[in-house]
N, C-alpha and C. Protein backbone atom coordinates (compact mmCIF):
# COMPACT_ATOMS: atom_id res chain seq x y z
N UNK A 1 -11.97 -18.77 15.04
CA UNK A 1 -11.76 -19.10 13.66
C UNK A 1 -12.45 -18.06 12.78
N UNK A 2 -11.70 -17.49 11.83
CA UNK A 2 -12.26 -16.51 10.92
C UNK A 2 -12.84 -17.18 9.68
N UNK A 3 -13.48 -16.38 8.86
CA UNK A 3 -14.10 -16.93 7.65
C UNK A 3 -13.05 -17.50 6.70
N UNK A 4 -11.88 -16.89 6.63
CA UNK A 4 -10.82 -17.42 5.78
C UNK A 4 -10.36 -18.78 6.28
N UNK A 5 -10.32 -18.94 7.60
CA UNK A 5 -9.95 -20.24 8.18
C UNK A 5 -10.99 -21.29 7.83
N UNK A 6 -12.26 -20.93 7.94
CA UNK A 6 -13.34 -21.87 7.64
C UNK A 6 -13.29 -22.27 6.17
N UNK A 7 -13.06 -21.29 5.30
CA UNK A 7 -12.98 -21.59 3.87
C UNK A 7 -11.82 -22.54 3.58
N UNK A 8 -10.67 -22.26 4.15
CA UNK A 8 -9.49 -23.10 3.92
C UNK A 8 -9.70 -24.51 4.47
N UNK A 9 -10.24 -24.59 5.66
CA UNK A 9 -10.49 -25.90 6.27
C UNK A 9 -11.50 -26.70 5.46
N UNK A 10 -12.56 -26.05 4.99
CA UNK A 10 -13.56 -26.74 4.16
C UNK A 10 -12.94 -27.23 2.86
N UNK A 11 -12.06 -26.43 2.27
CA UNK A 11 -11.38 -26.83 1.04
C UNK A 11 -10.48 -28.04 1.28
N UNK A 12 -9.76 -28.04 2.41
CA UNK A 12 -8.89 -29.17 2.74
C UNK A 12 -9.70 -30.45 2.96
N UNK A 13 -10.80 -30.32 3.68
CA UNK A 13 -11.65 -31.48 3.93
C UNK A 13 -12.28 -31.99 2.64
N UNK A 14 -12.70 -31.07 1.79
CA UNK A 14 -13.28 -31.46 0.51
C UNK A 14 -12.26 -32.20 -0.35
N UNK A 15 -11.03 -31.69 -0.39
CA UNK A 15 -9.98 -32.37 -1.16
C UNK A 15 -9.70 -33.76 -0.60
N UNK A 16 -9.71 -33.90 0.72
CA UNK A 16 -9.48 -35.22 1.33
C UNK A 16 -10.59 -36.19 0.95
N UNK A 17 -11.84 -35.72 0.97
CA UNK A 17 -12.97 -36.58 0.61
C UNK A 17 -12.90 -36.96 -0.86
N UNK A 18 -12.58 -35.98 -1.73
CA UNK A 18 -12.50 -36.27 -3.17
C UNK A 18 -11.40 -37.26 -3.50
N UNK A 19 -10.34 -37.27 -2.73
CA UNK A 19 -9.22 -38.20 -2.96
C UNK A 19 -9.41 -39.51 -2.21
N UNK A 20 -10.48 -39.60 -1.43
CA UNK A 20 -10.74 -40.84 -0.70
C UNK A 20 -9.92 -40.97 0.57
N UNK A 21 -9.42 -39.87 1.08
CA UNK A 21 -8.59 -39.91 2.28
C UNK A 21 -9.40 -39.76 3.54
N UNK A 22 -8.74 -39.87 4.65
CA UNK A 22 -9.35 -39.71 5.97
C UNK A 22 -9.35 -38.22 6.32
N UNK A 23 -10.53 -37.65 6.55
CA UNK A 23 -10.62 -36.21 6.82
C UNK A 23 -9.97 -35.82 8.15
N UNK A 24 -9.74 -36.75 9.02
CA UNK A 24 -9.13 -36.45 10.31
C UNK A 24 -7.63 -36.70 10.34
N UNK A 25 -7.06 -37.13 9.23
CA UNK A 25 -5.63 -37.43 9.22
C UNK A 25 -4.82 -36.14 9.16
N UNK A 26 -3.63 -36.16 9.75
CA UNK A 26 -2.77 -34.97 9.72
C UNK A 26 -2.41 -34.55 8.29
N UNK A 27 -2.28 -35.50 7.37
CA UNK A 27 -1.93 -35.13 6.00
C UNK A 27 -3.07 -34.41 5.30
N UNK A 28 -4.32 -34.71 5.67
CA UNK A 28 -5.46 -34.03 5.06
C UNK A 28 -5.55 -32.60 5.57
N UNK A 29 -5.13 -32.36 6.81
CA UNK A 29 -5.24 -31.04 7.41
C UNK A 29 -3.96 -30.21 7.29
N UNK A 30 -2.89 -30.81 6.79
CA UNK A 30 -1.62 -30.11 6.67
C UNK A 30 -1.72 -28.86 5.79
N UNK A 31 -2.42 -28.91 4.65
CA UNK A 31 -2.51 -27.67 3.84
C UNK A 31 -3.16 -26.51 4.60
N UNK A 32 -4.12 -26.82 5.47
CA UNK A 32 -4.75 -25.77 6.27
C UNK A 32 -3.71 -25.11 7.17
N UNK A 33 -2.92 -25.92 7.84
CA UNK A 33 -1.90 -25.38 8.75
C UNK A 33 -0.89 -24.54 7.98
N UNK A 34 -0.46 -25.03 6.83
CA UNK A 34 0.54 -24.31 6.05
C UNK A 34 -0.01 -22.99 5.51
N UNK A 35 -1.25 -23.00 5.08
CA UNK A 35 -1.82 -21.81 4.46
C UNK A 35 -2.20 -20.74 5.49
N UNK A 36 -2.70 -21.11 6.62
CA UNK A 36 -3.27 -20.16 7.56
C UNK A 36 -2.36 -19.77 8.73
N UNK A 37 -1.22 -20.44 8.89
CA UNK A 37 -0.34 -20.18 10.03
C UNK A 37 0.09 -18.72 10.10
N UNK A 38 0.67 -18.20 9.03
CA UNK A 38 1.20 -16.83 9.05
C UNK A 38 0.09 -15.81 9.27
N UNK A 39 -1.00 -15.94 8.54
CA UNK A 39 -2.10 -14.98 8.67
C UNK A 39 -2.67 -14.98 10.09
N UNK A 40 -2.82 -16.16 10.67
CA UNK A 40 -3.35 -16.24 12.04
C UNK A 40 -2.39 -15.63 13.06
N UNK A 41 -1.10 -15.85 12.88
CA UNK A 41 -0.14 -15.28 13.84
C UNK A 41 -0.03 -13.77 13.70
N UNK A 42 -0.14 -13.27 12.49
CA UNK A 42 -0.15 -11.81 12.30
C UNK A 42 -1.36 -11.20 13.00
N UNK A 43 -2.52 -11.82 12.81
CA UNK A 43 -3.74 -11.33 13.45
C UNK A 43 -3.65 -11.42 14.97
N UNK A 44 -3.13 -12.52 15.48
CA UNK A 44 -2.99 -12.66 16.93
C UNK A 44 -2.04 -11.62 17.50
N UNK A 45 -0.95 -11.34 16.80
CA UNK A 45 0.01 -10.34 17.26
C UNK A 45 -0.64 -8.95 17.26
N UNK A 46 -1.40 -8.63 16.22
CA UNK A 46 -2.07 -7.33 16.14
C UNK A 46 -3.09 -7.18 17.26
N UNK A 47 -3.86 -8.22 17.52
CA UNK A 47 -4.85 -8.16 18.59
C UNK A 47 -4.16 -8.03 19.95
N UNK A 48 -3.05 -8.71 20.13
CA UNK A 48 -2.30 -8.60 21.38
C UNK A 48 -1.81 -7.17 21.59
N UNK A 49 -1.30 -6.54 20.52
CA UNK A 49 -0.83 -5.15 20.64
C UNK A 49 -1.99 -4.21 20.94
N UNK A 50 -3.13 -4.42 20.29
CA UNK A 50 -4.30 -3.59 20.57
C UNK A 50 -4.74 -3.74 22.02
N UNK A 51 -4.72 -4.96 22.51
CA UNK A 51 -5.08 -5.21 23.91
C UNK A 51 -4.16 -4.43 24.85
N UNK A 52 -2.87 -4.47 24.57
CA UNK A 52 -1.91 -3.75 25.42
C UNK A 52 -2.13 -2.24 25.36
N UNK A 53 -2.40 -1.72 24.15
CA UNK A 53 -2.61 -0.28 23.99
C UNK A 53 -3.88 0.17 24.70
N UNK A 54 -4.92 -0.64 24.65
CA UNK A 54 -6.21 -0.22 25.22
C UNK A 54 -6.39 -0.60 26.69
N UNK A 55 -5.45 -1.29 27.29
CA UNK A 55 -5.58 -1.62 28.71
C UNK A 55 -4.65 -0.79 29.59
N UNK A 56 -3.95 0.16 29.02
CA UNK A 56 -3.05 1.00 29.79
C UNK A 56 -3.71 2.33 30.11
N UNK A 57 -3.28 2.92 31.21
CA UNK A 57 -3.78 4.23 31.60
C UNK A 57 -2.71 5.31 31.49
N UNK A 58 -1.56 4.98 30.94
CA UNK A 58 -0.48 5.95 30.79
C UNK A 58 -0.94 7.08 29.86
N UNK A 59 -0.75 8.32 30.30
CA UNK A 59 -1.26 9.46 29.55
C UNK A 59 -0.75 9.53 28.13
N UNK A 60 0.54 9.29 27.94
CA UNK A 60 1.10 9.39 26.59
C UNK A 60 0.52 8.32 25.67
N UNK A 61 0.32 7.13 26.20
CA UNK A 61 -0.25 6.06 25.38
C UNK A 61 -1.71 6.36 25.06
N UNK A 62 -2.45 6.86 26.03
CA UNK A 62 -3.85 7.21 25.79
C UNK A 62 -3.94 8.32 24.75
N UNK A 63 -3.06 9.33 24.87
CA UNK A 63 -3.04 10.42 23.89
C UNK A 63 -2.71 9.88 22.49
N UNK A 64 -1.65 9.08 22.39
CA UNK A 64 -1.25 8.54 21.09
C UNK A 64 -2.35 7.66 20.50
N UNK A 65 -3.00 6.89 21.34
CA UNK A 65 -4.10 6.03 20.91
C UNK A 65 -5.24 6.88 20.35
N UNK A 66 -5.59 7.94 21.04
CA UNK A 66 -6.68 8.81 20.60
C UNK A 66 -6.35 9.50 19.28
N UNK A 67 -5.12 10.02 19.18
CA UNK A 67 -4.70 10.67 17.94
C UNK A 67 -4.68 9.66 16.80
N UNK A 68 -4.18 8.48 17.05
CA UNK A 68 -4.13 7.45 16.02
C UNK A 68 -5.50 7.08 15.50
N UNK A 69 -6.47 6.96 16.40
CA UNK A 69 -7.83 6.62 15.98
C UNK A 69 -8.43 7.76 15.16
N UNK A 70 -8.19 9.00 15.57
CA UNK A 70 -8.71 10.15 14.82
C UNK A 70 -8.10 10.21 13.42
N UNK A 71 -6.80 10.01 13.32
CA UNK A 71 -6.13 10.02 12.02
C UNK A 71 -6.66 8.88 11.15
N UNK A 72 -6.76 7.71 11.72
CA UNK A 72 -7.27 6.56 10.97
C UNK A 72 -8.70 6.81 10.49
N UNK A 73 -9.49 7.47 11.30
CA UNK A 73 -10.87 7.76 10.94
C UNK A 73 -10.96 8.69 9.73
N UNK A 74 -9.95 9.54 9.53
CA UNK A 74 -9.95 10.48 8.42
C UNK A 74 -9.36 9.91 7.13
N UNK A 75 -8.63 8.82 7.21
CA UNK A 75 -7.95 8.27 6.04
C UNK A 75 -8.73 7.07 5.50
N UNK A 76 -9.63 7.35 4.56
CA UNK A 76 -10.51 6.32 4.03
C UNK A 76 -9.75 5.20 3.33
N UNK A 77 -8.65 5.54 2.65
CA UNK A 77 -7.92 4.50 1.91
C UNK A 77 -7.27 3.50 2.87
N UNK A 78 -6.79 3.98 4.01
CA UNK A 78 -6.19 3.06 4.98
C UNK A 78 -7.27 2.21 5.63
N UNK A 79 -8.42 2.84 5.95
CA UNK A 79 -9.53 2.07 6.50
C UNK A 79 -9.95 0.98 5.51
N UNK A 80 -10.01 1.33 4.23
CA UNK A 80 -10.41 0.34 3.21
C UNK A 80 -9.39 -0.79 3.14
N UNK A 81 -8.11 -0.46 3.22
CA UNK A 81 -7.07 -1.50 3.17
C UNK A 81 -7.18 -2.43 4.37
N UNK A 82 -7.45 -1.87 5.55
CA UNK A 82 -7.62 -2.70 6.74
C UNK A 82 -8.83 -3.60 6.59
N UNK A 83 -9.91 -3.03 6.05
CA UNK A 83 -11.12 -3.83 5.85
C UNK A 83 -10.89 -4.93 4.83
N UNK A 84 -10.13 -4.64 3.78
CA UNK A 84 -9.83 -5.66 2.78
C UNK A 84 -9.01 -6.79 3.38
N UNK A 85 -8.05 -6.45 4.23
CA UNK A 85 -7.22 -7.49 4.84
C UNK A 85 -8.04 -8.33 5.80
N UNK A 86 -9.15 -7.77 6.29
CA UNK A 86 -10.04 -8.53 7.17
C UNK A 86 -11.08 -9.32 6.39
N UNK A 87 -11.07 -9.19 5.06
CA UNK A 87 -11.96 -9.99 4.23
C UNK A 87 -13.15 -9.25 3.67
N UNK A 88 -13.17 -7.92 3.75
CA UNK A 88 -14.30 -7.15 3.22
C UNK A 88 -14.27 -7.18 1.69
N UNK A 89 -15.45 -7.05 1.09
CA UNK A 89 -15.59 -7.01 -0.36
C UNK A 89 -15.25 -5.61 -0.84
N UNK A 90 -14.30 -5.51 -1.75
CA UNK A 90 -13.84 -4.21 -2.24
C UNK A 90 -14.97 -3.45 -2.91
N UNK A 91 -15.86 -4.13 -3.59
CA UNK A 91 -16.95 -3.47 -4.29
C UNK A 91 -17.90 -2.78 -3.33
N UNK A 92 -17.97 -3.23 -2.12
CA UNK A 92 -18.88 -2.64 -1.15
C UNK A 92 -18.24 -1.54 -0.32
N UNK A 93 -17.00 -1.21 -0.58
CA UNK A 93 -16.33 -0.20 0.22
C UNK A 93 -16.72 1.21 -0.17
N UNK A 94 -17.37 1.36 -1.29
CA UNK A 94 -17.87 2.67 -1.68
C UNK A 94 -16.87 3.46 -2.50
N UNK A 95 -17.23 4.71 -2.71
CA UNK A 95 -16.47 5.57 -3.60
C UNK A 95 -15.10 5.94 -3.05
N UNK A 96 -14.92 5.91 -1.74
CA UNK A 96 -13.64 6.36 -1.17
C UNK A 96 -12.46 5.53 -1.69
N UNK A 97 -12.66 4.23 -1.82
CA UNK A 97 -11.58 3.38 -2.34
C UNK A 97 -11.31 3.71 -3.79
N UNK A 98 -12.36 3.95 -4.57
CA UNK A 98 -12.19 4.30 -5.98
C UNK A 98 -11.47 5.63 -6.12
N UNK A 99 -11.80 6.58 -5.26
CA UNK A 99 -11.14 7.88 -5.30
C UNK A 99 -9.65 7.71 -4.99
N UNK A 100 -9.33 6.90 -4.01
CA UNK A 100 -7.93 6.66 -3.66
C UNK A 100 -7.19 6.02 -4.82
N UNK A 101 -7.82 5.07 -5.46
CA UNK A 101 -7.19 4.42 -6.61
C UNK A 101 -7.00 5.42 -7.75
N UNK A 102 -7.98 6.29 -7.96
CA UNK A 102 -7.86 7.31 -9.00
C UNK A 102 -6.73 8.28 -8.69
N UNK A 103 -6.58 8.66 -7.43
CA UNK A 103 -5.50 9.58 -7.04
C UNK A 103 -4.15 8.94 -7.33
N UNK A 104 -4.00 7.68 -6.98
CA UNK A 104 -2.72 6.99 -7.22
C UNK A 104 -2.46 6.88 -8.72
N UNK A 105 -3.48 6.51 -9.49
CA UNK A 105 -3.31 6.37 -10.94
C UNK A 105 -2.96 7.71 -11.57
N UNK A 106 -3.68 8.78 -11.19
CA UNK A 106 -3.42 10.10 -11.76
C UNK A 106 -2.05 10.63 -11.38
N UNK A 107 -1.62 10.37 -10.15
CA UNK A 107 -0.29 10.77 -9.73
C UNK A 107 0.77 10.06 -10.55
N UNK A 108 0.55 8.78 -10.76
CA UNK A 108 1.49 8.00 -11.57
C UNK A 108 1.56 8.54 -13.00
N UNK A 109 0.41 8.89 -13.56
CA UNK A 109 0.39 9.44 -14.92
C UNK A 109 1.10 10.79 -14.97
N UNK A 110 0.92 11.61 -13.93
CA UNK A 110 1.58 12.91 -13.90
C UNK A 110 3.10 12.75 -13.82
N UNK A 111 3.56 11.80 -13.01
CA UNK A 111 5.00 11.54 -12.91
C UNK A 111 5.54 11.06 -14.25
N UNK A 112 4.81 10.17 -14.92
CA UNK A 112 5.25 9.69 -16.24
C UNK A 112 5.34 10.84 -17.24
N UNK A 113 4.35 11.74 -17.20
CA UNK A 113 4.36 12.88 -18.11
C UNK A 113 5.55 13.78 -17.83
N UNK A 114 5.81 14.06 -16.55
CA UNK A 114 6.96 14.89 -16.19
C UNK A 114 8.27 14.23 -16.61
N UNK A 115 8.36 12.92 -16.41
CA UNK A 115 9.57 12.21 -16.83
C UNK A 115 9.79 12.32 -18.33
N UNK A 116 8.71 12.33 -19.10
CA UNK A 116 8.83 12.47 -20.55
C UNK A 116 9.19 13.89 -20.94
N UNK A 117 8.74 14.88 -20.17
CA UNK A 117 8.98 16.29 -20.51
C UNK A 117 10.34 16.79 -20.09
N UNK A 118 10.93 16.24 -19.05
CA UNK A 118 12.18 16.76 -18.50
C UNK A 118 13.31 16.81 -19.53
N UNK A 119 13.55 15.74 -20.30
CA UNK A 119 14.65 15.84 -21.28
C UNK A 119 14.43 16.97 -22.30
N UNK A 120 13.21 17.12 -22.80
CA UNK A 120 12.94 18.17 -23.78
C UNK A 120 13.10 19.56 -23.15
N UNK A 121 12.60 19.71 -21.92
CA UNK A 121 12.73 20.99 -21.24
C UNK A 121 14.19 21.32 -20.96
N UNK A 122 14.95 20.33 -20.53
CA UNK A 122 16.35 20.60 -20.23
C UNK A 122 17.12 20.96 -21.49
N UNK A 123 16.81 20.30 -22.62
CA UNK A 123 17.47 20.67 -23.89
C UNK A 123 17.11 22.09 -24.29
N UNK A 124 15.83 22.45 -24.11
CA UNK A 124 15.40 23.80 -24.48
C UNK A 124 16.07 24.84 -23.59
N UNK A 125 16.11 24.59 -22.30
CA UNK A 125 16.72 25.54 -21.37
C UNK A 125 18.21 25.66 -21.64
N UNK A 126 18.89 24.51 -21.78
CA UNK A 126 20.33 24.55 -22.04
C UNK A 126 20.63 25.18 -23.39
N UNK A 127 19.79 24.91 -24.38
CA UNK A 127 19.98 25.54 -25.70
C UNK A 127 19.80 27.04 -25.62
N UNK A 128 18.80 27.48 -24.86
CA UNK A 128 18.58 28.92 -24.70
C UNK A 128 19.72 29.58 -23.97
N UNK A 129 20.24 28.93 -22.94
CA UNK A 129 21.39 29.48 -22.21
C UNK A 129 22.60 29.54 -23.13
N UNK A 130 22.78 28.51 -23.94
CA UNK A 130 23.91 28.51 -24.88
C UNK A 130 23.82 29.66 -25.87
N UNK A 131 22.61 29.91 -26.38
CA UNK A 131 22.42 31.02 -27.32
C UNK A 131 22.70 32.36 -26.64
N UNK A 132 22.24 32.52 -25.41
CA UNK A 132 22.50 33.77 -24.68
C UNK A 132 23.99 33.99 -24.47
N UNK A 133 24.70 32.93 -24.12
CA UNK A 133 26.15 33.05 -23.92
C UNK A 133 26.82 33.43 -25.23
N UNK A 134 26.36 32.82 -26.32
CA UNK A 134 26.94 33.15 -27.63
C UNK A 134 26.66 34.60 -27.99
N UNK A 135 25.47 35.10 -27.73
CA UNK A 135 25.14 36.50 -28.04
C UNK A 135 25.97 37.46 -27.20
N UNK A 136 26.13 37.13 -25.91
CA UNK A 136 26.92 37.99 -25.03
C UNK A 136 28.37 37.98 -25.48
N UNK A 137 28.85 36.82 -25.88
CA UNK A 137 30.25 36.72 -26.32
C UNK A 137 30.47 37.52 -27.59
N UNK A 138 29.51 37.56 -28.48
CA UNK A 138 29.63 38.32 -29.73
C UNK A 138 29.61 39.82 -29.46
N UNK A 139 28.84 40.26 -28.46
CA UNK A 139 28.70 41.68 -28.17
C UNK A 139 29.82 42.20 -27.28
N UNK A 140 30.51 41.36 -26.55
CA UNK A 140 31.54 41.77 -25.61
C UNK A 140 32.87 41.89 -26.35
N UNK A 141 33.41 43.09 -26.47
CA UNK A 141 34.67 43.26 -27.18
C UNK A 141 35.84 42.56 -26.50
N UNK A 142 35.79 42.39 -25.18
CA UNK A 142 36.87 41.73 -24.47
C UNK A 142 36.96 40.26 -24.84
N UNK A 143 35.79 39.63 -25.10
CA UNK A 143 35.81 38.20 -25.40
C UNK A 143 36.38 37.96 -26.79
N UNK A 144 36.31 38.95 -27.69
CA UNK A 144 36.86 38.77 -29.04
C UNK A 144 38.39 38.87 -29.02
N UNK A 145 38.89 39.68 -28.06
CA UNK A 145 40.34 39.86 -27.99
C UNK A 145 41.03 38.64 -27.46
N UNK A 146 40.37 37.82 -26.72
CA UNK A 146 41.05 36.65 -26.16
C UNK A 146 40.96 35.47 -27.01
């Protein structure tokens, strides 16, 4: 049982007591089952896959496992996301999570700026090309004859 399970179960039992119900009845515990079923099965599936990956001696799997751990070790934002999904406090994750959030925010702002600039730039470029074509057409005697 994880801390999230304990918290949910305590909340369900507290609600049953506050309503005057039986804490052992299936209806008192039903919210716990509904809330924690998916999260528990996702965790169990992930642990099962990790068990399979770490109990094999196949060279390719061992190599992929080693490379995956090295890559994961270098990506602080992914480590922080994994820790958050496991219940870690975001404030205690340190500057790496803040840096990742800043990178995402700054990238988004840069994309917004480029999206705002593209129409003006395209009008300027197309206008300049149009002026050049007009100048060439005025200077070319063949274009006046047609």
